C-alpha atoms as a PDB file:
ATOM      1  CA  MET A   1      50.361   8.902 -11.284  1.00  0.00           C
ATOM      2  CA  LYS A   2      50.622  12.430  -9.766  1.00  0.00           C
ATOM      3  CA  GLN A   3      50.719  13.796 -13.310  1.00  0.00           C
ATOM      4  CA  HIS A   4      47.447  11.996 -14.076  1.00  0.00           C
ATOM      5  CA  PHE A   5      45.795  13.291 -10.880  1.00  0.00           C
ATOM      6  CA  ILE A   6      46.758  16.900 -11.676  1.00  0.00           C
ATOM      7  CA  ALA A   7      45.569  16.530 -15.267  1.00  0.00           C
ATOM      8  CA  CYS A   8      42.212  15.186 -14.136  1.00  0.00           C
ATOM      9  CA  LEU A   9      41.835  17.983 -11.699  1.00  0.00           C
ATOM     10  CA  LEU A  10      42.625  20.704 -14.310  1.00  0.00           C
ATOM     11  CA  THR A  11      40.248  18.978 -16.787  1.00  0.00           C
ATOM     12  CA  CYS A  12      37.409  19.254 -14.152  1.00  0.00           C
ATOM     13  CA  LEU A  13      38.225  22.869 -13.551  1.00  0.00           C
ATOM     14  CA  LEU A  14      38.274  23.571 -17.328  1.00  0.00           C
ATOM     15  CA  LEU A  15      35.102  21.849 -17.990  1.00  0.00           C
ATOM     16  CA  THR A  16      32.916  23.339 -15.255  1.00  0.00           C
ATOM     17  CA  PRO A  17      32.645  26.784 -16.609  1.00  0.00           C
ATOM     18  CA  GLY A  18      31.454  25.530 -19.994  1.00  0.00           C
ATOM     19  CA  ILE A  19      28.876  23.248 -18.248  1.00  0.00           C
ATOM     20  CA  ILE A  20      27.558  26.153 -16.164  1.00  0.00           C
ATOM     21  CA  GLN A  21      27.384  28.273 -19.314  1.00  0.00           C
ATOM     22  CA  ALA A  22      25.278  25.554 -20.958  1.00  0.00           C
ATOM     23  CA  GLN A  23      22.750  25.775 -18.135  1.00  0.00           C
ATOM     24  CA  ARG A  24      21.656  29.267 -19.148  1.00  0.00           C
ATOM     25  CA  SER A  25      20.213  28.020 -22.411  1.00  0.00           C
ATOM     26  CA  ASP A  26      18.611  24.935 -20.875  1.00  0.00           C
ATOM     27  CA  GLU A  27      15.018  24.804 -19.926  1.00  0.00           C
ATOM     28  CA  THR A  28      15.544  22.159 -17.183  1.00  0.00           C
ATOM     29  CA  ALA A  29      15.366  23.586 -13.617  1.00  0.00           C
ATOM     30  CA  SER A  30      18.620  23.453 -11.807  1.00  0.00           C
ATOM     31  CA  GLY A  31      18.799  22.840  -8.046  1.00  0.00           C
ATOM     32  CA  LEU A  32      20.314  21.209  -5.108  1.00  0.00           C
ATOM     33  CA  GLN A  33      19.466  17.519  -4.101  1.00  0.00           C
ATOM     34  CA  PHE A  34      20.462  15.481  -1.181  1.00  0.00           C
ATOM     35  CA  GLY A  35      20.514  11.715  -0.869  1.00  0.00           C
ATOM     36  CA  LEU A  36      21.658   8.549   1.069  1.00  0.00           C
ATOM     37  CA  ASN A  37      23.932   5.738  -0.313  1.00  0.00           C
ATOM     38  CA  PHE A  38      23.718   2.185   0.816  1.00  0.00           C
ATOM     39  CA  GLY A  39      26.168  -0.257  -0.626  1.00  0.00           C
ATOM     40  CA  TYR A  40      28.900  -2.893  -0.337  1.00  0.00           C
ATOM     41  CA  TYR A  41      32.563  -2.306  -1.139  1.00  0.00           C
ATOM     42  CA  SER A  42      35.582  -4.478  -1.854  1.00  0.00           C
ATOM     43  CA  PRO A  43      38.861  -2.603  -1.501  1.00  0.00           C
ATOM     44  CA  SER A  44      42.184  -3.800  -2.925  1.00  0.00           C
ATOM     45  CA  LYS A  45      43.724  -6.631  -1.020  1.00  0.00           C
ATOM     46  CA  TYR A  46      47.156  -4.933  -1.490  1.00  0.00           C
ATOM     47  CA  THR A  47      46.933  -2.866   1.701  1.00  0.00           C
ATOM     48  CA  ALA A  48      45.533  -5.803   3.735  1.00  0.00           C
ATOM     49  CA  ASN A  49      49.039  -7.183   4.047  1.00  0.00           C
ATOM     50  CA  PHE A  50      49.772  -4.198   6.232  1.00  0.00           C
ATOM     51  CA  TYR A  51      48.238  -6.404   8.980  1.00  0.00           C
ATOM     52  CA  ASN A  52      50.183  -9.703   8.134  1.00  0.00           C
ATOM     53  CA  GLY A  53      52.770  -9.236  10.843  1.00  0.00           C
ATOM     54  CA  SER A  54      55.777  -9.624   8.643  1.00  0.00           C
ATOM     55  CA  ALA A  55      59.159  -8.318   9.715  1.00  0.00           C
ATOM     56  CA  GLY A  56      59.055  -5.514   7.258  1.00  0.00           C
ATOM     57  CA  ASN A  57      55.774  -4.027   8.401  1.00  0.00           C
ATOM     58  CA  LEU A  58      55.379  -1.309  10.858  1.00  0.00           C
ATOM     59  CA  ASN A  59      53.405  -3.695  13.024  1.00  0.00           C
ATOM     60  CA  ASN A  60      55.075  -7.087  13.193  1.00  0.00           C
ATOM     61  CA  ALA A  61      54.738 -10.196  15.108  1.00  0.00           C
ATOM     62  CA  ASN A  62      58.432 -10.496  15.975  1.00  0.00           C
ATOM     63  CA  TRP A  63      57.978  -7.348  18.100  1.00  0.00           C
ATOM     64  CA  VAL A  64      55.584  -9.349  20.304  1.00  0.00           C
ATOM     65  CA  VAL A  65      57.446 -12.724  20.319  1.00  0.00           C
ATOM     66  CA  SER A  66      60.889 -11.141  20.944  1.00  0.00           C
ATOM     67  CA  ASN A  67      59.658  -9.666  24.295  1.00  0.00           C
ATOM     68  CA  LYS A  68      60.631 -12.179  26.904  1.00  0.00           C
ATOM     69  CA  TYR A  69      57.458 -11.587  29.043  1.00  0.00           C
ATOM     70  CA  LEU A  70      55.030 -11.757  26.172  1.00  0.00           C
ATOM     71  CA  TYR A  71      56.959 -14.873  24.859  1.00  0.00           C
ATOM     72  CA  GLN A  72      56.521 -16.539  28.242  1.00  0.00           C
ATOM     73  CA  GLN A  73      52.872 -15.900  28.245  1.00  0.00           C
ATOM     74  CA  ILE A  74      52.548 -17.521  24.812  1.00  0.00           C
ATOM     75  CA  TYR A  75      54.790 -20.374  25.958  1.00  0.00           C
ATOM     76  CA  ASP A  76      52.713 -21.111  28.878  1.00  0.00           C
ATOM     77  CA  THR A  77      49.469 -20.830  26.940  1.00  0.00           C
ATOM     78  CA  LEU A  78      50.732 -23.473  24.508  1.00  0.00           C
ATOM     79  CA  LEU A  79      51.886 -25.709  27.260  1.00  0.00           C
ATOM     80  CA  ALA A  80      55.234 -25.802  25.781  1.00  0.00           C
ATOM     81  CA  THR A  81      58.179 -27.773  27.337  1.00  0.00           C
ATOM     82  CA  ASP A  82      61.057 -26.631  25.165  1.00  0.00           C
ATOM     83  CA  THR A  83      60.626 -23.728  22.752  1.00  0.00           C
ATOM     84  CA  VAL A  84      58.150 -21.909  20.763  1.00  0.00           C
ATOM     85  CA  LEU A  85      59.018 -20.523  17.235  1.00  0.00           C
ATOM     86  CA  LEU A  86      57.010 -18.174  14.939  1.00  0.00           C
ATOM     87  CA  SER A  87      56.728 -20.505  11.985  1.00  0.00           C
ATOM     88  CA  GLY A  88      54.470 -18.837   9.455  1.00  0.00           C
ATOM     89  CA  LEU A  89      52.587 -15.566   8.516  1.00  0.00           C
ATOM     90  CA  PRO A  90      50.038 -14.994   5.787  1.00  0.00           C
ATOM     91  CA  SER A  91      51.306 -13.498   2.531  1.00  0.00           C
ATOM     92  CA  ASN A  92      47.914 -13.021   0.803  1.00  0.00           C
ATOM     93  CA  MET A  93      45.572 -11.315   3.292  1.00  0.00           C
ATOM     94  CA  HIS A  94      42.490  -9.685   1.980  1.00  0.00           C
ATOM     95  CA  TYR A  95      39.578  -7.615   3.299  1.00  0.00           C
ATOM     96  CA  LYS A  96      36.096  -8.933   3.806  1.00  0.00           C
ATOM     97  CA  ILE A  97      33.468  -7.221   1.763  1.00  0.00           C
ATOM     98  CA  SER A  98      32.301  -4.207   3.802  1.00  0.00           C
ATOM     99  CA  MET A  99      28.960  -2.319   4.090  1.00  0.00           C
ATOM    100  CA  MET A 100      29.527   1.315   2.848  1.00  0.00           C
ATOM    101  CA  PRO A 101      26.746   3.781   3.938  1.00  0.00           C
ATOM    102  CA  GLY A 102      27.088   7.436   3.083  1.00  0.00           C
ATOM    103  CA  ILE A 103      25.547  10.818   2.183  1.00  0.00           C
ATOM    104  CA  TYR A 104      25.221  12.409  -1.260  1.00  0.00           C
ATOM    105  CA  ALA A 105      24.631  15.952  -2.599  1.00  0.00           C
ATOM    106  CA  GLN A 106      24.080  16.962  -6.226  1.00  0.00           C
ATOM    107  CA  TYR A 107      23.716  20.349  -7.937  1.00  0.00           C
ATOM    108  CA  THR A 108      21.925  19.774 -11.185  1.00  0.00           C
ATOM    109  CA  LEU A 109      23.099  22.300 -13.806  1.00  0.00           C
ATOM    110  CA  ASN A 110      20.959  21.330 -16.912  1.00  0.00           C
ATOM    111  CA  LYS A 111      19.555  18.228 -18.662  1.00  0.00           C
ATOM    112  CA  GLN A 112      22.903  16.692 -19.081  1.00  0.00           C
ATOM    113  CA  TYR A 113      25.272  17.731 -16.341  1.00  0.00           C
ATOM    114  CA  ALA A 114      25.436  17.936 -12.550  1.00  0.00           C
ATOM    115  CA  ILE A 115      28.212  18.444  -9.963  1.00  0.00           C
ATOM    116  CA  CYS A 116      28.092  15.848  -7.215  1.00  0.00           C
ATOM    117  CA  ILE A 117      29.819  14.897  -3.963  1.00  0.00           C
ATOM    118  CA  SER A 118      29.532  11.612  -2.043  1.00  0.00           C
ATOM    119  CA  ILE A 119      30.861  10.905   1.483  1.00  0.00           C
ATOM    120  CA  ASN A 120      31.046   7.218   2.390  1.00  0.00           C
ATOM    121  CA  TYR A 121      32.183   5.362   5.446  1.00  0.00           C
ATOM    122  CA  MET A 122      33.285   1.692   5.912  1.00  0.00           C
ATOM    123  CA  LYS A 123      34.824  -0.414   8.611  1.00  0.00           C
ATOM    124  CA  LEU A 124      37.266  -3.033   7.077  1.00  0.00           C
ATOM    125  CA  VAL A 125      38.427  -6.353   8.529  1.00  0.00           C
ATOM    126  CA  ALA A 126      41.323  -8.361   7.219  1.00  0.00           C
ATOM    127  CA  GLN A 127      41.822 -11.796   8.812  1.00  0.00           C
ATOM    128  CA  ASP A 128      44.018 -14.879   8.214  1.00  0.00           C
ATOM    129  CA  ALA A 129      46.166 -17.274  10.321  1.00  0.00           C
ATOM    130  CA  ILE A 130      49.512 -17.077  12.100  1.00  0.00           C
ATOM    131  CA  THR A 131      51.351 -20.278  12.875  1.00  0.00           C
ATOM    132  CA  PHE A 132      53.649 -21.324  15.757  1.00  0.00           C
ATOM    133  CA  GLU A 133      55.831 -24.392  16.025  1.00  0.00           C
ATOM    134  CA  VAL A 134      55.862 -25.828  19.409  1.00  0.00           C
ATOM    135  CA  ASP A 135      58.890 -27.675  20.848  1.00  0.00           C
ATOM    136  CA  PRO A 136      60.605 -28.254  17.416  1.00  0.00           C
ATOM    137  CA  LYS A 137      62.639 -31.394  17.244  1.00  0.00           C
ATOM    138  CA  THR A 138      66.156 -31.678  15.747  1.00  0.00           C
ATOM    139  CA  TYR A 139      65.392 -35.215  14.393  1.00  0.00           C
ATOM    140  CA  ASN A 140      62.882 -36.122  11.587  1.00  0.00           C
ATOM    141  CA  THR A 141      59.404 -35.970  13.085  1.00  0.00           C
ATOM    142  CA  ASN A 142      56.298 -34.003  12.221  1.00  0.00           C
ATOM    143  CA  PRO A 143      56.328 -30.599  13.724  1.00  0.00           C
ATOM    144  CA  ASP A 144      53.688 -29.601  16.206  1.00  0.00           C
ATOM    145  CA  LEU A 145      52.203 -26.609  14.373  1.00  0.00           C
ATOM    146  CA  ARG A 146      49.481 -24.496  16.028  1.00  0.00           C
ATOM    147  CA  MET A 147      47.395 -21.973  13.932  1.00  0.00           C
ATOM    148  CA  PHE A 148      45.704 -18.848  15.336  1.00  0.00           C
ATOM    149  CA  THR A 149      43.863 -15.794  14.020  1.00  0.00           C
ATOM    150  CA  ILE A 150      45.814 -12.702  12.923  1.00  0.00           C
ATOM    151  CA  ILE A 151      43.567  -9.673  12.253  1.00  0.00           C
ATOM    152  CA  GLY A 152      43.475  -6.039  11.254  1.00  0.00           C
ATOM    153  CA  GLN A 153      40.711  -3.532  11.458  1.00  0.00           C
ATOM    154  CA  GLU A 154      40.540  -0.093   9.992  1.00  0.00           C
ATOM    155  CA  GLN A 155      38.113   2.738   9.282  1.00  0.00           C
ATOM    156  CA  ARG A 156      37.959   4.552   5.949  1.00  0.00           C
ATOM    157  CA  VAL A 157      36.093   7.493   4.722  1.00  0.00           C
ATOM    158  CA  TYR A 158      35.882   8.214   1.101  1.00  0.00           C
ATOM    159  CA  ILE A 159      35.038  11.680  -0.381  1.00  0.00           C
ATOM    160  CA  ASP A 160      34.285  11.629  -4.099  1.00  0.00           C
ATOM    161  CA  LEU A 161      33.839  14.862  -5.935  1.00  0.00           C
ATOM    162  CA  GLY A 162      32.874  14.515  -9.684  1.00  0.00           C
ATOM    163  CA  ILE A 163      30.931  15.740 -12.655  1.00  0.00           C
ATOM    164  CA  LYS A 164      27.867  13.650 -13.530  1.00  0.00           C
ATOM    165  CA  ARG A 165      26.676  13.161 -17.208  1.00  0.00           C
ATOM    166  CA  PHE A 166      23.006  11.969 -17.840  1.00  0.00           C
ATOM    167  CA  PHE A 167      21.845  10.014 -20.916  1.00  0.00           C
ATOM    168  CA  LYS A 168      18.061  10.307 -21.199  1.00  0.00           C
ATOM    169  CA  ILE A 169      16.157   7.065 -22.003  1.00  0.00           C
ATOM    170  CA  SER A 170      12.641   8.223 -21.262  1.00  0.00           C
ATOM    171  CA  ASP A 171      10.795  10.854 -19.071  1.00  0.00           C
ATOM    172  CA  LYS A 172      11.366   8.740 -15.991  1.00  0.00           C
ATOM    173  CA  THR A 173      14.589   6.889 -16.800  1.00  0.00           C
ATOM    174  CA  GLU A 174      18.218   7.966 -17.449  1.00  0.00           C
ATOM    175  CA  LEU A 175      21.597   6.434 -17.504  1.00  0.00           C
ATOM    176  CA  PHE A 176      24.507   8.264 -15.810  1.00  0.00           C
ATOM    177  CA  ALA A 177      28.243   8.351 -15.664  1.00  0.00           C
ATOM    178  CA  ILE A 178      30.459  10.134 -13.072  1.00  0.00           C
ATOM    179  CA  GLY A 179      34.110  10.885 -13.123  1.00  0.00           C
ATOM    180  CA  GLY A 180      36.066  12.811 -10.665  1.00  0.00           C
ATOM    181  CA  LEU A 181      38.568  12.889  -7.688  1.00  0.00           C
ATOM    182  CA  ASN A 182      38.758  10.998  -4.523  1.00  0.00           C
ATOM    183  CA  MET A 183      40.123  11.843  -1.133  1.00  0.00           C
ATOM    184  CA  ASN A 184      40.298   9.167   1.526  1.00  0.00           C
ATOM    185  CA  ASP A 185      41.128   9.137   5.309  1.00  0.00           C
ATOM    186  CA  THR A 186      42.197   5.869   6.875  1.00  0.00           C
ATOM    187  CA  LYS A 187      42.537   5.038  10.610  1.00  0.00           C
ATOM    188  CA  VAL A 188      43.924   1.797  11.872  1.00  0.00           C
ATOM    189  CA  ILE A 189      41.855   0.366  14.749  1.00  0.00           C
ATOM    190  CA  LYS A 190      43.546  -2.957  15.447  1.00  0.00           C
ATOM    191  CA  SER A 191      46.602  -5.009  14.274  1.00  0.00           C
ATOM    192  CA  SER A 192      46.977  -8.079  16.445  1.00  0.00           C
ATOM    193  CA  PHE A 193      47.049 -11.826  16.697  1.00  0.00           C
ATOM    194  CA  PHE A 194      45.466 -14.322  19.128  1.00  0.00           C
ATOM    195  CA  VAL A 195      46.997 -17.296  21.044  1.00  0.00           C
ATOM    196  CA  GLY A 196      44.227 -19.091  22.656  1.00  0.00           C
ATOM    197  CA  LYS A 197      41.916 -16.421  23.883  1.00  0.00           C
ATOM    198  CA  THR A 198      44.587 -13.903  24.583  1.00  0.00           C
ATOM    199  CA  GLU A 199      44.915 -11.037  22.063  1.00  0.00           C
ATOM    200  CA  TYR A 200      48.440  -9.584  21.395  1.00  0.00           C
ATOM    201  CA  SER A 201      48.568  -6.171  19.774  1.00  0.00           C
ATOM    202  CA  MET A 202      51.396  -5.687  17.237  1.00  0.00           C
ATOM    203  CA  ILE A 203      51.195  -1.970  17.576  1.00  0.00           C
ATOM    204  CA  ASN A 204      54.155  -0.809  19.502  1.00  0.00           C
ATOM    205  CA  THR A 205      52.901   1.827  21.986  1.00  0.00           C
ATOM    206  CA  TYR A 206      56.229   1.779  24.083  1.00  0.00           C
ATOM    207  CA  GLY A 207      58.708   3.226  21.651  1.00  0.00           C
ATOM    208  CA  ASN A 208      62.209   2.024  22.187  1.00  0.00           C
ATOM    209  CA  VAL A 209      61.422   0.703  25.768  1.00  0.00           C
ATOM    210  CA  ASN A 210      60.792  -2.900  26.295  1.00  0.00           C
ATOM    211  CA  TYR A 211      57.277  -3.849  27.628  1.00  0.00           C
ATOM    212  CA  VAL A 212      57.376  -4.978  31.284  1.00  0.00           C
ATOM    213  CA  PRO A 213      54.017  -6.126  32.751  1.00  0.00           C
ATOM    214  CA  ASN A 214      52.667  -4.520  35.910  1.00  0.00           C
ATOM    215  CA  SER A 215      55.181  -1.683  35.648  1.00  0.00           C
ATOM    216  CA  ASN A 216      54.852   2.024  35.227  1.00  0.00           C
ATOM    217  CA  ILE A 217      56.359   2.086  31.779  1.00  0.00           C
ATOM    218  CA  GLN A 218      54.979   4.973  29.735  1.00  0.00           C
ATOM    219  CA  SER A 219      52.817   4.113  26.667  1.00  0.00           C
ATOM    220  CA  PHE A 220      51.970   6.456  23.773  1.00  0.00           C
ATOM    221  CA  ASN A 221      48.887   7.083  21.871  1.00  0.00           C
ATOM    222  CA  ILE A 222      49.658   5.833  18.331  1.00  0.00           C
ATOM    223  CA  THR A 223      47.708   6.958  15.307  1.00  0.00           C
ATOM    224  CA  GLU A 224      48.338   4.939  12.090  1.00  0.00           C
ATOM    225  CA  GLY A 225      46.891   5.986   8.733  1.00  0.00           C
ATOM    226  CA  GLY A 226      46.120   9.262   7.108  1.00  0.00           C
ATOM    227  CA  ILE A 227      45.061  11.046   4.001  1.00  0.00           C
ATOM    228  CA  GLY A 228      45.200   9.566   0.509  1.00  0.00           C
ATOM    229  CA  PHE A 229      44.074  10.601  -2.992  1.00  0.00           C
ATOM    230  CA  GLY A 230      43.074   9.101  -6.268  1.00  0.00           C
ATOM    231  CA  LEU A 231      40.468   8.925  -9.003  1.00  0.00           C
ATOM    232  CA  TYR A 232      37.022   7.385  -9.238  1.00  0.00           C
ATOM    233  CA  LEU A 233      34.419   6.372 -11.804  1.00  0.00           C
ATOM    234  CA  SER A 234      30.690   5.677 -11.107  1.00  0.00           C
ATOM    235  CA  GLY A 235      27.825   4.765 -13.326  1.00  0.00           C
ATOM    236  CA  GLY A 236      24.293   3.438 -13.152  1.00  0.00           C
ATOM    237  CA  ALA A 237      20.645   4.109 -13.862  1.00  0.00           C
ATOM    238  CA  THR A 238      18.322   6.829 -12.622  1.00  0.00           C
ATOM    239  CA  PHE A 239      14.581   6.305 -12.014  1.00  0.00           C
ATOM    240  CA  HIS A 240      12.392   9.317 -11.158  1.00  0.00           C
ATOM    241  CA  PHE A 241       9.297   8.723  -8.875  1.00  0.00           C
ATOM    242  CA  GLY A 242       7.800  12.112  -8.069  1.00  0.00           C
ATOM    243  CA  ASN A 243      10.124  13.862  -5.585  1.00  0.00           C
ATOM    244  CA  ILE A 244      12.204  10.661  -5.084  1.00  0.00           C
ATOM    245  CA  THR A 245      14.997   9.457  -7.394  1.00  0.00           C
ATOM    246  CA  PHE A 246      16.238   5.981  -7.074  1.00  0.00           C
ATOM    247  CA  GLU A 247      19.774   5.210  -8.407  1.00  0.00           C
ATOM    248  CA  PRO A 248      21.335   1.691  -8.495  1.00  0.00           C
ATOM    249  CA  GLY A 249      25.079   1.957  -9.562  1.00  0.00           C
ATOM    250  CA  PHE A 250      28.671   1.037  -9.101  1.00  0.00           C
ATOM    251  CA  ASN A 251      31.841   2.719  -7.890  1.00  0.00           C
ATOM    252  CA  ALA A 252      35.386   2.074  -9.132  1.00  0.00           C
ATOM    253  CA  HIS A 253      38.293   3.693  -7.502  1.00  0.00           C
ATOM    254  CA  TYR A 254      42.087   3.903  -8.251  1.00  0.00           C
ATOM    255  CA  ILE A 255      43.688   5.445  -5.189  1.00  0.00           C
ATOM    256  CA  ASN A 256      46.480   5.407  -2.728  1.00  0.00           C
ATOM    257  CA  VAL A 257      45.811   4.670   0.924  1.00  0.00           C
ATOM    258  CA  HIS A 258      48.094   6.109   3.549  1.00  0.00           C
ATOM    259  CA  LEU A 259      49.291   2.968   5.307  1.00  0.00           C
ATOM    260  CA  ASN A 260      52.983   2.861   5.933  1.00  0.00           C
ATOM    261  CA  GLY A 261      54.730   0.707   3.346  1.00  0.00           C
ATOM    262  CA  TYR A 262      51.594   0.129   1.322  1.00  0.00           C
ATOM    263  CA  GLU A 263      50.985   3.524  -0.431  1.00  0.00           C
ATOM    264  CA  LYS A 264      51.041   2.391  -4.012  1.00  0.00           C
ATOM    265  CA  PHE A 265      47.973   3.114  -6.166  1.00  0.00           C
ATOM    266  CA  SER A 266      45.533   0.275  -6.230  1.00  0.00           C
ATOM    267  CA  PRO A 267      41.889  -0.388  -7.435  1.00  0.00           C
ATOM    268  CA  GLY A 268      38.757  -1.101  -5.481  1.00  0.00           C
ATOM    269  CA  GLY A 269      35.070  -1.148  -6.357  1.00  0.00           C
ATOM    270  CA  GLY A 270      31.521  -1.730  -5.028  1.00  0.00           C
ATOM    271  CA  LEU A 271      27.805  -1.669  -5.714  1.00  0.00           C
ATOM    272  CA  TYR A 272      25.305   0.841  -4.175  1.00  0.00           C
ATOM    273  CA  ILE A 273      21.682   2.044  -4.109  1.00  0.00           C
ATOM    274  CA  ARG A 274      21.096   5.750  -3.797  1.00  0.00           C
ATOM    275  CA  PHE A 275      17.923   7.584  -2.743  1.00  0.00           C
ATOM    276  CA  ILE A 276      17.796  11.312  -3.737  1.00  0.00           C
ATOM    277  CA  LEU A 277      15.214  13.852  -2.580  1.00  0.00           C
ATOM    278  CA  ASN A 278      14.424  16.252  -5.385  1.00  0.00           C
ATOM    279  CA  ASN A 279      13.361  19.941  -5.469  1.00  0.00           C
ATOM    280  CA  LEU A 280      15.243  21.181  -2.560  1.00  0.00           C
ATOM    281  CA  PHE A 281      16.499  24.648  -2.773  1.00  0.00           C
ATOM    282  CA  SER A 282      15.360  24.908  -6.384  1.00  0.00           C
ATOM    283  CA  THR A 283      16.805  27.931  -8.204  1.00  0.00           C
ATOM    284  CA  ASP A 284      13.696  28.323 -10.366  1.00  0.00           C
END
């Protein structure tokens, strides 16, 4: 995938001088436009399993349950009289569809091409259920299984830089296609589960020291996430109304997200509506 990413970058760099040269013989005014994006986005569920609490994850439920103080809190909350076991974790978590607002800038080179950048933000939530078995019996009876919420939250910023190609339909209408590069920044906000009304964070902020309540044990600020890269495509229709351009369209990404253990490339996509203000900083 790295080879494809480098090839795409080189292609963009090679195409850009030719596109700018074509501008010189084009009668269309070039200029800079700014806009706003409003849309919904559905990322790949692949990275959602970062929050499922499994033993192989950076944040895992066993870290909580194996602490004798936290275990005792869970035991008391469940009114157990013998033992409590972590019985089940989700294996197919997925994100809820998220709103994705953003800003947009476009430098129109000629009738056919523009260079554009879009910066979009989203807050993602992945949620499922964690299961505890209370007072398991050694003989053949139905187990007492209790299910509670397990949840992950993260923030993402997508920066998409691309070359935009127009296909004229009429004086007021065009189709467009965009291809380019993506850089994304991810920050984990929450990775936890609930037992009753009590929330238990699976993010270990104590290092190799066991958590002891009401003690002076030192905790650390933990930052999870980071920078990822990839490719993106976008397409839609352009409608011109005086100084306002209206663009409904779609985004498709193939990117890696910097979440420990879940950094493979995966797809995602969404729909948006964009409003662009024309004739700003015109080069006429």
